[in-house]
Structures are given as C-alpha cells and as structure tokens.
Amino acid sequence: MSGSEPTISYAPTEGHTFDPSDPRYWDERALRGEVERAFEICHGCRMCFKYCDSFPILFRAIDAQEEPDPRRLAPEITEQVMDACFQCKLCEVQCPYTPREKHAFQLDFPKLVHRWKAQRERRRGPSLRDRVLGDPDLAGRAARASLGLANAMNRVGAHRWFLEKVLGVHRDKLLPDFAPRTFERWAVSQGKVAAAPPAEAVLFPTCFVQNNEPEIGRDTVEVLEHNGIGVRCVQGLACCGMPAWEHGDLDTLRARARQTLDVLEPFVVAGSRVVAINPTCSMMLRREWPELLEGRDRERAVALSGLVADPCELLWSIRDEPRFRTDVRSKPDGPIAYHAPCHLRAQSIGFRARDLFKKVLGARVVPVMECCGHDGTYAMTVEGFEPSQRAGARAFEGMQAPSASTWSTDCPLAALQFQQHAGTKPMHPMSILARAYRGDPFPSAPTQERGPGGAP
C-alpha cells in the first residue's frame, strides 16, 4: 500500500447509517467510505466466502492488485459485488462484527448493499423487470384476469423466450402457478374475515399464499384453529415490499407497508399476534420495517414488530397449554428432511417447525441449514438462475437424505427451487401438520417432480 494513503480504519465512518431517514444515507461520498471500510473488513476476515458470489468477486479483485486496497477497485467491480448479493442474510447471521453482536465495527453487509442499491435506484429509476417482479400483487391480478392463460403460457417455449428477452426472466426457471381464487376470497367465503378486533391472532398470508398457493393459508388456519388459537383474516393487505426493496425501491416498499399498517392497526392496538406465513415476510415486518419506514409509519411498525410471529413459532408458544393438540391421525413413514430458510435463521427465533415435528409427530428430523439459492426473485433472473443453482447445491444434496420420506420447508419459494433442482417439492410445515391432524396419508417416498431445466 502506498505510504501516502492512511490505512482504512475498521471503525464506522462519519457516514455510517442504516436509516434511510438520515440524510447521510443518501450521500454518495458517505456511502463510498462505508463500502470501502466494509470491503476492507471482509477482505481481512473471509469467513463468508461460501454464501454468494459477492465475496469471491471481491476477494479475487483485491488479490489481483499489486497492493491490496479496496479503494483502488474500479466502480464496475463494486457494482458486480453488490449485484451478486441476493440478500440471503447468512453473512449477517454468521458475522461477528454486526450490530446484532453489539460489535464496535457495526458491520451489516446486506444492509450496506440495500443502501447502495437504493442510491442507484434513485439515480437511474426502476427497470421494466424491476417494476414487474417488484409488484407480485399486480401480477396476481393480471394472471387471474387471464382466466388461466398466464399459467398455460408460462409453459410455452416461445412465450418464455419472449419473457427472457423483454423482462430478463430466465426461460428455464420454474415459475409458480397463479391460483384462480385468492386466499382472501376463500377466507371471505368461509366467514373467517374480521374487520376489527377481537382476535387472538390475525393472519398475514403473504402475497405468495394470496396469489399462488392459498392452500398453505387454509392449512395454517386449520392447524391454528385445531389448537384453539382464535385466528382471523383481514382484507386489503399488501405485499411486504421485499420484491421492490431487493432492487432498492424504498418508495414502493413504504407505500405497501403503509397500506398494510392501516389494515392491521386496530389489531395491533388490541395486542393481536400477527402471523406471517412466509419467513421473508415475517422478517420484513419484524426487523426491516421498523428501520426503513419513517414518521408515524415507523412508530406503527415498531408496535407491530413485537407482535409478529411465524405460524410454527406461535404454535410452539402454547405447547404447554391444555389446548395444544397432539391427536394426529397419520404420520410420515420415515424421517422428515427439513430445510430451515435463511430468512427464518435471520430472525433468531429457533427452528420451531423441527420442534413441532418431533413433539407432535414423534418424527426424526434431518435438518438442512444451507441456503437453497432462490432468494426472492434472484433465481428468476437471467443473471441469477445459474448462480442460484450453485448457491443451493449443498441444500439440494442435504435434502436428498436416503432415509427421508417427507420434505419440508417454511419458504414456498425455496420449495420451488427444490422442486426444480432436486426433483421434490417440500411441503410447508403447516400443511404437514394439517395432513396429520386430518389423517391424510403421507407418501412413502418423496414425490419426484420435474420443472423446466430441472432434476432429478
């Protein structure tokens, strides 16, 4: 390193912030100092070499220099590092230097990436793909208006070629079907909707359950009610905002959050638990909204965050109460291969699906803690499809335990990834418990399902 330049301090710079309401968040020079500091820390540590391509790209670029110094990296290298991050959060989970660990370095690499992308988004504006993939609620409405044509066209090669060329959605990516009837419409038809408290728990079904797999929501309601939990549904909820925030669209995230906060506010004031089915969405409501929103919305998000629960987390919390039920009528024939999603691990709430499988079903559980690589919309993109397979390879191998008769994951998008690249679609834990309570049979071996370009 040149003697004219001081070494990079590991301590936070004056531009250190993760709060978009802080003017420093949007200062390009302040961000650059924090990026260089983070790159220097990660270059010296290298604990996170295995998670995504961001760190190998960074390490190779620095190692190729005659005098290793992240300040000398070309801007295009920084962009490559940032774009290779797909927000699995595992580097933050494992990093010893984070605010979570109360470390003086206050390093949170995923939040730094979000800050970088938010600044880029403000400079450039969203692309067409960003707008489409960032609004799953709109996509769901459009698909239902097509009366099933959208699902059929997603299996036509010429249409997939068109999607790849126009939107950058990989032609071989297995895409989820859209349900003809939303979860919300089912809830209304069953008298499950409440406009106001009281409710012990209110369901945040997530846009995926709302638009793609409402049966997961139905199973969740069935299981919670079977265990004496008074769960109600509401109308008018929006996406948690993560698909927009993936590429730095803070304005859309805040608009979606405000809509949901308006609907949930009476229940939050009454102290109802808010049950979010997808771990990404529960992470957003629990951890991200309190830091990303502003003004009164931030105050409401803080109040909401303490009431958010994963469905397995809520069910596990009543395990010592008389209403907790173990009266199952069927069980898997063998062990359950259970994938713990990255965004569940990021919340530090334990692996309650695993615990319930043991307690309720008496099952042996084979845990898989590796990232599956799907990570929001990343695996759908042209540039992310192949890296997502590499990132998920260890998870695919782990789920293929010879003795496992049933596969499970809390994340519906992870289930798609396993279906395409490991040949089996895992069931949501709530669906497994619902099947056991009902007495529905379990397969003696994982069902092999192929997707476009997929295995087994």
Protein backbone atom coordinates (compact mmCIF):
# COMPACT_ATOMS: atom_id res chain seq x y z
CA MET A 1 0.00 0.00 0.00
CA SER A 2 1.22 3.47 -0.84
CA GLY A 3 2.70 5.31 2.10
CA SER A 4 0.78 8.44 1.13
CA GLU A 5 -2.56 6.85 1.96
CA PRO A 6 -3.55 6.01 5.51
CA THR A 7 -4.81 2.55 6.24
CA ILE A 8 -8.57 2.05 6.34
CA SER A 9 -9.97 2.12 9.84
CA TYR A 10 -12.32 -0.72 10.77
CA ALA A 11 -14.34 1.68 12.94
CA PRO A 12 -17.53 3.15 11.45
CA THR A 13 -17.00 6.27 9.37
CA GLU A 14 -18.91 9.51 9.84
CA GLY A 15 -21.18 8.32 7.03
CA HIS A 16 -22.22 5.15 8.86
CA THR A 17 -26.01 4.70 8.96
CA PHE A 18 -28.64 2.13 8.01
CA ASP A 19 -31.50 4.58 8.41
CA PRO A 20 -32.97 5.98 5.15
CA SER A 21 -34.45 8.87 7.14
CA ASP A 22 -30.89 10.04 7.90
CA PRO A 23 -29.61 12.42 5.15
CA ARG A 24 -26.23 10.65 5.30
CA TYR A 25 -27.92 7.51 3.92
CA TRP A 26 -28.29 9.22 0.54
CA ASP A 27 -24.85 10.87 0.46
CA GLU A 28 -22.77 9.12 -2.21
CA ARG A 29 -19.44 10.09 -0.66
CA ALA A 30 -20.53 8.90 2.76
CA LEU A 31 -21.65 5.59 1.26
CA ARG A 32 -18.36 5.16 -0.58
CA GLY A 33 -16.41 5.43 2.68
CA GLU A 34 -18.62 2.78 4.29
CA VAL A 35 -18.29 0.48 1.28
CA GLU A 36 -14.51 0.72 1.35
CA ARG A 37 -14.49 0.06 5.09
CA ALA A 38 -16.75 -2.98 4.73
CA PHE A 39 -14.68 -4.34 1.85
CA GLU A 40 -11.50 -3.98 3.95
CA ILE A 41 -13.05 -5.83 6.91
CA CYS A 42 -14.44 -8.63 4.73
CA HIS A 43 -11.16 -8.92 2.81
CA GLY A 44 -9.30 -9.45 6.06
CA CYS A 45 -11.82 -11.90 7.52
CA ARG A 46 -13.09 -14.04 4.60
CA MET A 47 -15.47 -16.06 6.78
CA CYS A 48 -18.28 -15.59 4.26
CA PHE A 49 -16.55 -16.99 1.18
CA LYS A 50 -19.17 -19.72 0.65
CA TYR A 51 -22.52 -17.92 0.65
CA CYS A 52 -22.91 -15.99 -2.61
CA ASP A 53 -20.70 -14.71 -5.41
CA SER A 54 -20.28 -11.25 -3.85
CA PHE A 55 -17.39 -12.24 -1.64
CA PRO A 56 -15.42 -14.35 -4.15
CA ILE A 57 -15.73 -11.50 -6.66
CA LEU A 58 -14.45 -9.04 -4.05
CA PHE A 59 -11.61 -11.24 -2.85
CA ARG A 60 -10.37 -12.07 -6.36
CA ALA A 61 -10.39 -8.39 -7.36
CA ILE A 62 -8.43 -7.28 -4.30
CA ASP A 63 -5.99 -10.19 -4.55
CA ALA A 64 -5.29 -9.29 -8.17
CA GLN A 65 -3.95 -5.88 -7.15
CA GLU A 66 -0.25 -5.33 -6.65
CA GLU A 67 -1.07 -3.59 -3.38
CA PRO A 68 -4.39 -4.88 -1.96
CA ASP A 69 -6.61 -1.87 -1.32
CA PRO A 70 -10.40 -1.73 -1.83
CA ARG A 71 -10.12 2.00 -2.50
CA ARG A 72 -8.50 1.13 -5.83
CA LEU A 73 -11.27 -1.12 -7.08
CA ALA A 74 -12.94 0.02 -10.27
CA PRO A 75 -16.59 1.12 -9.90
CA GLU A 76 -17.72 -1.78 -12.09
CA ILE A 77 -16.18 -4.24 -9.59
CA THR A 78 -18.16 -2.66 -6.75
CA GLU A 79 -21.30 -2.95 -8.88
CA GLN A 80 -20.60 -6.62 -9.54
CA VAL A 81 -20.14 -7.27 -5.81
CA MET A 82 -23.39 -5.51 -4.94
CA ASP A 83 -25.43 -7.14 -7.70
CA ALA A 84 -24.20 -10.61 -6.75
CA CYS A 85 -25.71 -10.23 -3.26
CA PHE A 86 -29.17 -11.81 -3.20
CA GLN A 87 -29.97 -10.87 0.42
CA CYS A 88 -29.97 -14.36 1.95
CA LYS A 89 -28.71 -12.61 5.14
CA LEU A 90 -26.49 -15.55 6.11
CA CYS A 91 -23.34 -13.43 6.11
CA GLU A 92 -25.01 -11.18 8.68
CA VAL A 93 -26.13 -14.20 10.69
CA GLN A 94 -22.58 -15.56 10.83
CA CYS A 95 -20.61 -12.29 11.00
CA PRO A 96 -19.06 -11.49 14.41
CA TYR A 97 -18.85 -7.75 13.67
CA THR A 98 -22.54 -6.83 13.44
CA PRO A 99 -24.88 -4.56 15.41
CA ARG A 100 -26.68 -7.77 16.39
CA GLU A 101 -23.49 -8.81 18.21
CA LYS A 102 -23.06 -5.27 19.56
CA HIS A 103 -19.63 -5.15 17.96
CA ALA A 104 -17.81 -1.85 17.58
CA PHE A 105 -17.43 -2.31 13.80
CA GLN A 106 -21.25 -2.21 13.29
CA LEU A 107 -20.92 -4.11 10.01
CA ASP A 108 -24.09 -5.29 8.24
CA PHE A 109 -23.19 -6.21 4.69
CA PRO A 110 -26.75 -6.91 3.41
CA LYS A 111 -27.98 -3.54 4.66
CA LEU A 112 -24.99 -1.84 3.06
CA VAL A 113 -25.96 -3.49 -0.24
CA HIS A 114 -29.53 -2.25 0.17
CA ARG A 115 -28.23 1.27 0.75
CA TRP A 116 -26.07 1.08 -2.35
CA LYS A 117 -28.96 -0.20 -4.47
CA ALA A 118 -31.33 2.42 -3.06
CA GLN A 119 -28.96 5.18 -4.19
CA ARG A 120 -28.64 3.59 -7.63
CA GLU A 121 -32.41 3.26 -7.88
CA ARG A 122 -32.85 6.96 -7.18
CA ARG A 123 -30.28 7.85 -9.81
CA ARG A 124 -31.49 5.54 -12.56
CA GLY A 125 -35.10 4.70 -11.76
CA PRO A 126 -36.56 1.17 -11.90
CA SER A 127 -36.31 -1.03 -14.98
CA LEU A 128 -39.35 -2.74 -16.52
CA ARG A 129 -38.29 -6.01 -14.87
CA ASP A 130 -37.96 -4.29 -11.52
CA ARG A 131 -41.50 -2.96 -11.84
CA VAL A 132 -42.96 -6.32 -12.83
CA LEU A 133 -41.13 -8.54 -10.35
CA GLY A 134 -41.43 -5.91 -7.64
CA ASP A 135 -45.25 -5.98 -7.70
CA PRO A 136 -46.47 -9.57 -7.15
CA ASP A 137 -49.95 -8.35 -6.23
CA LEU A 138 -50.37 -6.74 -9.65
CA ALA A 139 -49.00 -9.87 -11.32
CA GLY A 140 -51.55 -11.96 -9.45
CA ARG A 141 -54.45 -9.74 -10.51
CA ALA A 142 -53.32 -9.82 -14.13
CA ALA A 143 -52.95 -13.60 -14.08
CA ARG A 144 -56.44 -14.11 -12.69
CA ALA A 145 -57.84 -11.74 -15.31
CA SER A 146 -56.30 -14.01 -17.98
CA LEU A 147 -58.57 -16.88 -16.82
CA GLY A 148 -55.71 -19.37 -16.67
CA LEU A 149 -53.93 -18.25 -19.83
CA ALA A 150 -50.94 -16.92 -17.83
CA ASN A 151 -50.29 -20.36 -16.32
CA ALA A 152 -50.57 -22.04 -19.70
CA MET A 153 -48.29 -19.53 -21.43
CA ASN A 154 -45.61 -19.96 -18.76
CA ARG A 155 -45.18 -23.49 -20.16
CA VAL A 156 -44.84 -22.40 -23.79
CA GLY A 157 -41.26 -22.13 -25.01
CA ALA A 158 -41.84 -19.19 -27.35
CA HIS A 159 -43.51 -17.19 -24.59
CA ARG A 160 -40.70 -17.95 -22.16
CA TRP A 161 -38.18 -16.83 -24.79
CA PHE A 162 -40.15 -13.58 -25.06
CA LEU A 163 -40.15 -13.10 -21.27
CA GLU A 164 -36.40 -13.64 -21.20
CA LYS A 165 -35.71 -11.10 -23.93
CA VAL A 166 -38.13 -8.44 -22.67
CA LEU A 167 -38.06 -8.88 -18.87
CA GLY A 168 -34.87 -10.83 -18.24
CA VAL A 169 -36.76 -13.74 -16.63
CA HIS A 170 -34.82 -16.91 -17.39
CA ARG A 171 -36.59 -19.16 -19.87
CA ASP A 172 -35.89 -22.33 -17.86
CA LYS A 173 -36.96 -21.03 -14.45
CA LEU A 174 -39.85 -22.93 -12.93
CA LEU A 175 -42.43 -20.25 -12.17
CA PRO A 176 -45.28 -20.69 -9.69
CA ASP A 177 -48.81 -21.11 -10.97
CA PHE A 178 -51.38 -18.47 -10.09
CA ALA A 179 -54.45 -19.70 -8.22
CA PRO A 180 -57.85 -18.94 -9.80
CA ARG A 181 -59.17 -17.81 -6.40
CA THR A 182 -57.17 -15.86 -3.85
CA PHE A 183 -56.75 -16.84 -0.24
CA GLU A 184 -58.68 -13.71 0.73
CA ARG A 185 -61.70 -14.77 -1.33
CA TRP A 186 -61.62 -18.17 0.36
CA ALA A 187 -61.46 -16.53 3.79
CA VAL A 188 -64.47 -14.35 2.95
CA SER A 189 -66.45 -17.37 1.73
CA GLN A 190 -65.72 -19.22 4.97
CA GLY A 191 -66.61 -16.34 7.27
CA LYS A 192 -63.00 -16.07 8.51
CA VAL A 193 -62.65 -12.32 7.89
CA ALA A 194 -62.85 -9.77 10.70
CA ALA A 195 -62.91 -6.03 10.14
CA ALA A 196 -61.83 -5.26 13.70
CA PRO A 197 -60.72 -6.97 16.93
CA PRO A 198 -61.06 -9.06 18.99
CA ALA A 199 -58.77 -11.72 17.57
CA GLU A 200 -56.05 -13.69 19.32
CA ALA A 201 -54.16 -13.79 16.04
CA VAL A 202 -54.64 -12.19 12.64
CA LEU A 203 -53.15 -13.77 9.53
CA PHE A 204 -50.73 -12.05 7.16
CA PRO A 205 -50.95 -14.67 4.42
CA THR A 206 -48.24 -13.07 2.20
CA CYS A 207 -48.61 -12.31 -1.49
CA PHE A 208 -47.45 -15.82 -2.44
CA VAL A 209 -50.15 -17.53 -0.41
CA GLN A 210 -52.68 -14.92 -1.53
CA ASN A 211 -51.96 -15.34 -5.24
CA ASN A 212 -50.21 -18.66 -5.78
CA GLU A 213 -50.77 -21.28 -3.07
CA PRO A 214 -53.81 -20.37 -0.96
CA GLU A 215 -53.94 -23.95 0.28
CA ILE A 216 -50.98 -23.16 2.58
CA GLY A 217 -53.07 -20.41 4.15
CA ARG A 218 -56.06 -22.74 4.52
CA ASP A 219 -53.87 -25.35 6.20
CA THR A 220 -52.45 -22.71 8.54
CA VAL A 221 -55.91 -21.58 9.63
CA GLU A 222 -56.97 -25.21 10.10
CA VAL A 223 -53.97 -26.09 12.26
CA LEU A 224 -54.18 -22.98 14.43
CA GLU A 225 -57.92 -23.41 14.98
CA HIS A 226 -57.45 -27.10 15.78
CA ASN A 227 -55.13 -25.96 18.57
CA GLY A 228 -57.65 -23.49 19.96
CA ILE A 229 -55.99 -20.35 18.58
CA GLY A 230 -58.57 -17.76 17.57
CA VAL A 231 -57.21 -16.70 14.20
CA ARG A 232 -58.93 -14.21 11.92
CA CYS A 233 -58.22 -12.97 8.41
CA VAL A 234 -58.43 -9.41 7.08
CA GLN A 235 -58.94 -7.81 3.70
CA GLY A 236 -56.76 -5.28 1.92
CA LEU A 237 -53.26 -6.38 2.93
CA ALA A 238 -50.40 -5.64 0.52
CA CYS A 239 -47.08 -7.32 -0.26
CA CYS A 240 -44.45 -6.87 2.45
CA GLY A 241 -42.34 -4.89 -0.03
CA MET A 242 -39.30 -7.14 -0.22
CA PRO A 243 -39.62 -7.76 -4.01
CA ALA A 244 -39.37 -3.99 -4.54
CA TRP A 245 -36.68 -3.47 -1.89
CA GLU A 246 -34.49 -6.16 -3.48
CA HIS A 247 -33.51 -3.62 -6.14
CA GLY A 248 -33.63 -0.58 -3.84
CA ASP A 249 -37.17 0.73 -4.42
CA LEU A 250 -37.79 2.25 -1.00
CA ASP A 251 -40.80 4.33 -2.07
CA THR A 252 -42.76 1.27 -3.17
CA LEU A 253 -41.83 -0.60 -0.01
CA ARG A 254 -43.07 2.27 2.13
CA ALA A 255 -46.34 2.53 0.19
CA ARG A 256 -47.01 -1.21 0.58
CA ALA A 257 -46.16 -1.08 4.27
CA ARG A 258 -48.45 1.89 4.88
CA GLN A 259 -51.38 0.05 3.28
CA THR A 260 -50.84 -3.00 5.47
CA LEU A 261 -50.28 -0.95 8.63
CA ASP A 262 -53.60 0.81 8.05
CA VAL A 263 -55.39 -2.55 7.91
CA LEU A 264 -53.58 -4.10 10.87
CA GLU A 265 -53.50 -1.08 13.17
CA PRO A 266 -56.71 -1.89 15.13
CA PHE A 267 -55.47 -5.42 15.76
CA VAL A 268 -52.01 -4.22 16.79
CA VAL A 269 -53.53 -1.73 19.23
CA ALA A 270 -55.61 -4.59 20.65
CA GLY A 271 -52.50 -6.76 21.06
CA SER A 272 -53.36 -9.45 18.48
CA ARG A 273 -50.49 -11.57 17.23
CA VAL A 274 -49.78 -11.10 13.52
CA VAL A 275 -48.95 -14.44 11.92
CA ALA A 276 -46.86 -14.12 8.73
CA ILE A 277 -46.65 -17.40 6.83
CA ASN A 278 -43.53 -16.73 4.75
CA PRO A 279 -40.23 -16.21 6.68
CA THR A 280 -39.18 -13.41 4.34
CA CYS A 281 -42.38 -11.52 5.14
CA SER A 282 -42.15 -12.10 8.88
CA MET A 283 -38.55 -10.85 8.72
CA MET A 284 -39.66 -7.73 6.89
CA LEU A 285 -42.43 -6.97 9.39
CA ARG A 286 -40.33 -7.85 12.40
CA ARG A 287 -36.87 -6.49 11.51
CA GLU A 288 -36.90 -4.31 8.40
CA TRP A 289 -39.99 -2.09 8.57
CA PRO A 290 -39.04 -0.52 11.94
CA GLU A 291 -35.80 0.74 10.34
CA LEU A 292 -36.96 1.54 6.80
CA LEU A 293 -40.21 3.42 7.39
CA GLU A 294 -40.44 6.98 8.64
CA GLY A 295 -42.57 9.17 10.86
CA ARG A 296 -45.79 7.71 12.21
CA ASP A 297 -45.42 4.65 9.99
CA ARG A 298 -42.17 3.82 11.76
CA GLU A 299 -43.88 4.15 15.13
CA ARG A 300 -46.64 1.82 13.97
CA ALA A 301 -44.07 -0.62 12.55
CA VAL A 302 -42.24 -0.76 15.87
CA ALA A 303 -45.51 -1.58 17.64
CA LEU A 304 -46.28 -4.26 15.05
CA SER A 305 -42.83 -5.86 15.18
CA GLY A 306 -43.26 -7.10 18.73
CA LEU A 307 -46.44 -8.94 17.78
CA VAL A 308 -45.22 -10.68 14.62
CA ALA A 309 -44.98 -14.46 14.73
CA ASP A 310 -44.15 -17.29 12.37
CA PRO A 311 -47.05 -19.83 12.49
CA CYS A 312 -44.81 -22.56 13.91
CA GLU A 313 -43.40 -20.09 16.42
CA LEU A 314 -46.92 -19.20 17.61
CA LEU A 315 -48.00 -22.83 17.82
CA TRP A 316 -44.84 -23.77 19.74
CA SER A 317 -45.52 -20.98 22.23
CA ILE A 318 -48.66 -22.79 23.50
CA ARG A 319 -47.10 -26.26 23.68
CA ASP A 320 -47.53 -26.41 27.49
CA GLU A 321 -51.15 -25.28 27.41
CA PRO A 322 -54.07 -27.76 27.56
CA ARG A 323 -55.32 -26.65 24.14
CA PHE A 324 -52.16 -27.82 22.37
CA ARG A 325 -53.11 -30.90 20.34
CA THR A 326 -51.10 -34.00 19.52
CA ASP A 327 -54.07 -36.06 18.32
CA VAL A 328 -52.68 -36.84 14.88
CA ARG A 329 -54.34 -39.49 12.75
CA SER A 330 -51.49 -40.09 10.31
CA LYS A 331 -47.72 -39.67 10.26
CA PRO A 332 -44.88 -39.76 7.74
CA ASP A 333 -43.43 -43.23 7.32
CA GLY A 334 -39.87 -42.06 7.85
CA PRO A 335 -37.73 -39.08 8.81
CA ILE A 336 -38.55 -35.57 7.61
CA ALA A 337 -35.90 -33.64 5.69
CA TYR A 338 -36.41 -30.09 6.94
CA HIS A 339 -34.88 -27.05 5.24
CA ALA A 340 -34.51 -24.04 7.54
CA PRO A 341 -34.89 -20.93 5.32
CA CYS A 342 -32.23 -18.24 5.53
CA HIS A 343 -34.70 -15.50 6.47
CA LEU A 344 -36.03 -17.65 9.30
CA ARG A 345 -32.50 -18.02 10.63
CA ALA A 346 -32.02 -14.25 10.36
CA GLN A 347 -34.84 -13.74 12.88
CA SER A 348 -33.18 -15.85 15.61
CA ILE A 349 -36.43 -17.47 16.73
CA GLY A 350 -35.30 -21.08 16.58
CA PHE A 351 -36.48 -23.89 14.32
CA ARG A 352 -39.99 -24.41 15.58
CA ALA A 353 -41.17 -26.50 12.64
CA ARG A 354 -38.47 -29.02 13.51
CA ASP A 355 -39.52 -28.93 17.16
CA LEU A 356 -43.19 -29.43 16.28
CA PHE A 357 -42.40 -32.35 14.00
CA LYS A 358 -40.66 -34.02 16.93
CA LYS A 359 -43.26 -33.18 19.55
CA VAL A 360 -46.48 -33.66 17.57
CA LEU A 361 -45.46 -36.36 15.10
CA GLY A 362 -42.67 -38.05 17.02
CA ALA A 363 -40.65 -37.78 13.83
CA ARG A 364 -36.93 -37.88 13.34
CA VAL A 365 -35.87 -34.70 11.54
CA VAL A 366 -32.93 -34.32 9.18
CA PRO A 367 -32.10 -30.57 9.31
CA VAL A 368 -30.69 -28.76 6.28
CA MET A 369 -29.22 -25.35 7.12
CA GLU A 370 -27.75 -24.39 3.74
CA CYS A 371 -29.19 -21.67 1.51
CA CYS A 372 -31.34 -23.00 -1.34
CA GLY A 373 -30.27 -20.08 -3.56
CA HIS A 374 -33.73 -18.87 -4.66
CA ASP A 375 -33.77 -15.72 -2.54
CA GLY A 376 -36.76 -13.69 -3.66
CA THR A 377 -36.73 -13.02 -7.39
CA TYR A 378 -32.97 -13.58 -7.83
CA ALA A 379 -33.30 -17.14 -9.17
CA MET A 380 -35.88 -15.97 -11.73
CA THR A 381 -33.47 -13.60 -13.48
CA VAL A 382 -31.20 -14.37 -16.39
CA GLU A 383 -28.11 -13.43 -14.41
CA GLY A 384 -29.26 -15.19 -11.22
CA PHE A 385 -30.61 -18.51 -12.49
CA GLU A 386 -27.29 -20.35 -12.78
CA PRO A 387 -25.62 -18.84 -9.69
CA SER A 388 -28.71 -19.70 -7.66
CA GLN A 389 -28.23 -23.36 -8.56
CA ARG A 390 -24.62 -23.27 -7.45
CA ALA A 391 -25.55 -21.50 -4.22
CA GLY A 392 -28.22 -24.10 -3.50
CA ALA A 393 -26.20 -27.21 -4.38
CA ARG A 394 -25.38 -28.12 -0.77
CA ALA A 395 -29.03 -27.69 0.22
CA PHE A 396 -30.20 -29.92 -2.65
CA GLU A 397 -27.74 -32.60 -1.57
CA GLY A 398 -28.73 -32.28 2.09
CA MET A 399 -32.44 -32.71 1.38
CA GLN A 400 -31.77 -35.90 -0.57
CA ALA A 401 -31.05 -37.86 2.60
CA PRO A 402 -31.68 -41.52 1.71
CA SER A 403 -33.88 -42.14 4.73
CA ALA A 404 -36.17 -39.07 4.44
CA SER A 405 -39.70 -39.88 3.34
CA THR A 406 -41.07 -36.32 3.56
CA TRP A 407 -39.53 -32.97 2.64
CA SER A 408 -40.47 -29.69 4.31
CA THR A 409 -39.54 -26.01 4.25
CA ASP A 410 -41.24 -22.90 5.63
CA CYS A 411 -40.47 -20.94 2.44
CA PRO A 412 -42.71 -21.52 -0.61
CA LEU A 413 -40.10 -20.11 -2.99
CA ALA A 414 -37.49 -22.48 -1.57
CA ALA A 415 -39.98 -25.28 -2.28
CA LEU A 416 -39.98 -24.24 -5.95
CA GLN A 417 -36.19 -24.29 -6.01
CA PHE A 418 -36.05 -27.80 -4.57
CA GLN A 419 -38.77 -28.95 -6.96
CA GLN A 420 -36.80 -27.77 -9.96
CA HIS A 421 -33.26 -28.67 -8.97
CA ALA A 422 -33.67 -31.57 -6.53
CA GLY A 423 -36.77 -33.19 -8.01
CA THR A 424 -39.08 -32.93 -5.00
CA LYS A 425 -41.35 -30.13 -3.80
CA PRO A 426 -41.25 -29.85 0.02
CA MET A 427 -44.46 -29.24 1.95
CA HIS A 428 -44.98 -26.29 4.26
CA PRO A 429 -44.86 -27.36 7.95
CA MET A 430 -48.46 -26.21 8.40
CA SER A 431 -49.53 -28.45 5.51
CA ILE A 432 -47.74 -31.42 7.05
CA LEU A 433 -49.44 -30.84 10.42
CA ALA A 434 -52.84 -30.28 8.76
CA ARG A 435 -52.45 -33.55 6.86
CA ALA A 436 -51.51 -35.37 10.08
CA TYR A 437 -54.45 -33.94 12.04
CA ARG A 438 -56.87 -34.83 9.21
CA GLY A 439 -55.48 -38.30 8.78
CA ASP A 440 -54.46 -37.86 5.15
CA PRO A 441 -51.84 -40.37 4.02
CA PHE A 442 -48.21 -39.39 3.54
CA PRO A 443 -46.15 -40.68 0.60
CA SER A 444 -43.74 -43.50 1.38
CA ALA A 445 -41.05 -41.63 -0.59
CA PRO A 446 -40.65 -38.04 -1.78
CA THR A 447 -42.72 -37.30 -4.87
CA GLN A 448 -40.44 -36.63 -7.82
CA GLU A 449 -41.46 -33.52 -9.73
CA ARG A 450 -39.61 -32.01 -12.64
CA GLY A 451 -39.58 -28.41 -13.69
CA PRO A 452 -38.14 -26.83 -16.82
CA GLY A 453 -34.43 -27.45 -16.84
CA GLY A 454 -34.69 -29.30 -13.55
CA ALA A 455 -33.52 -32.53 -11.97
CA PRO A 456 -33.69 -35.26 -10.66
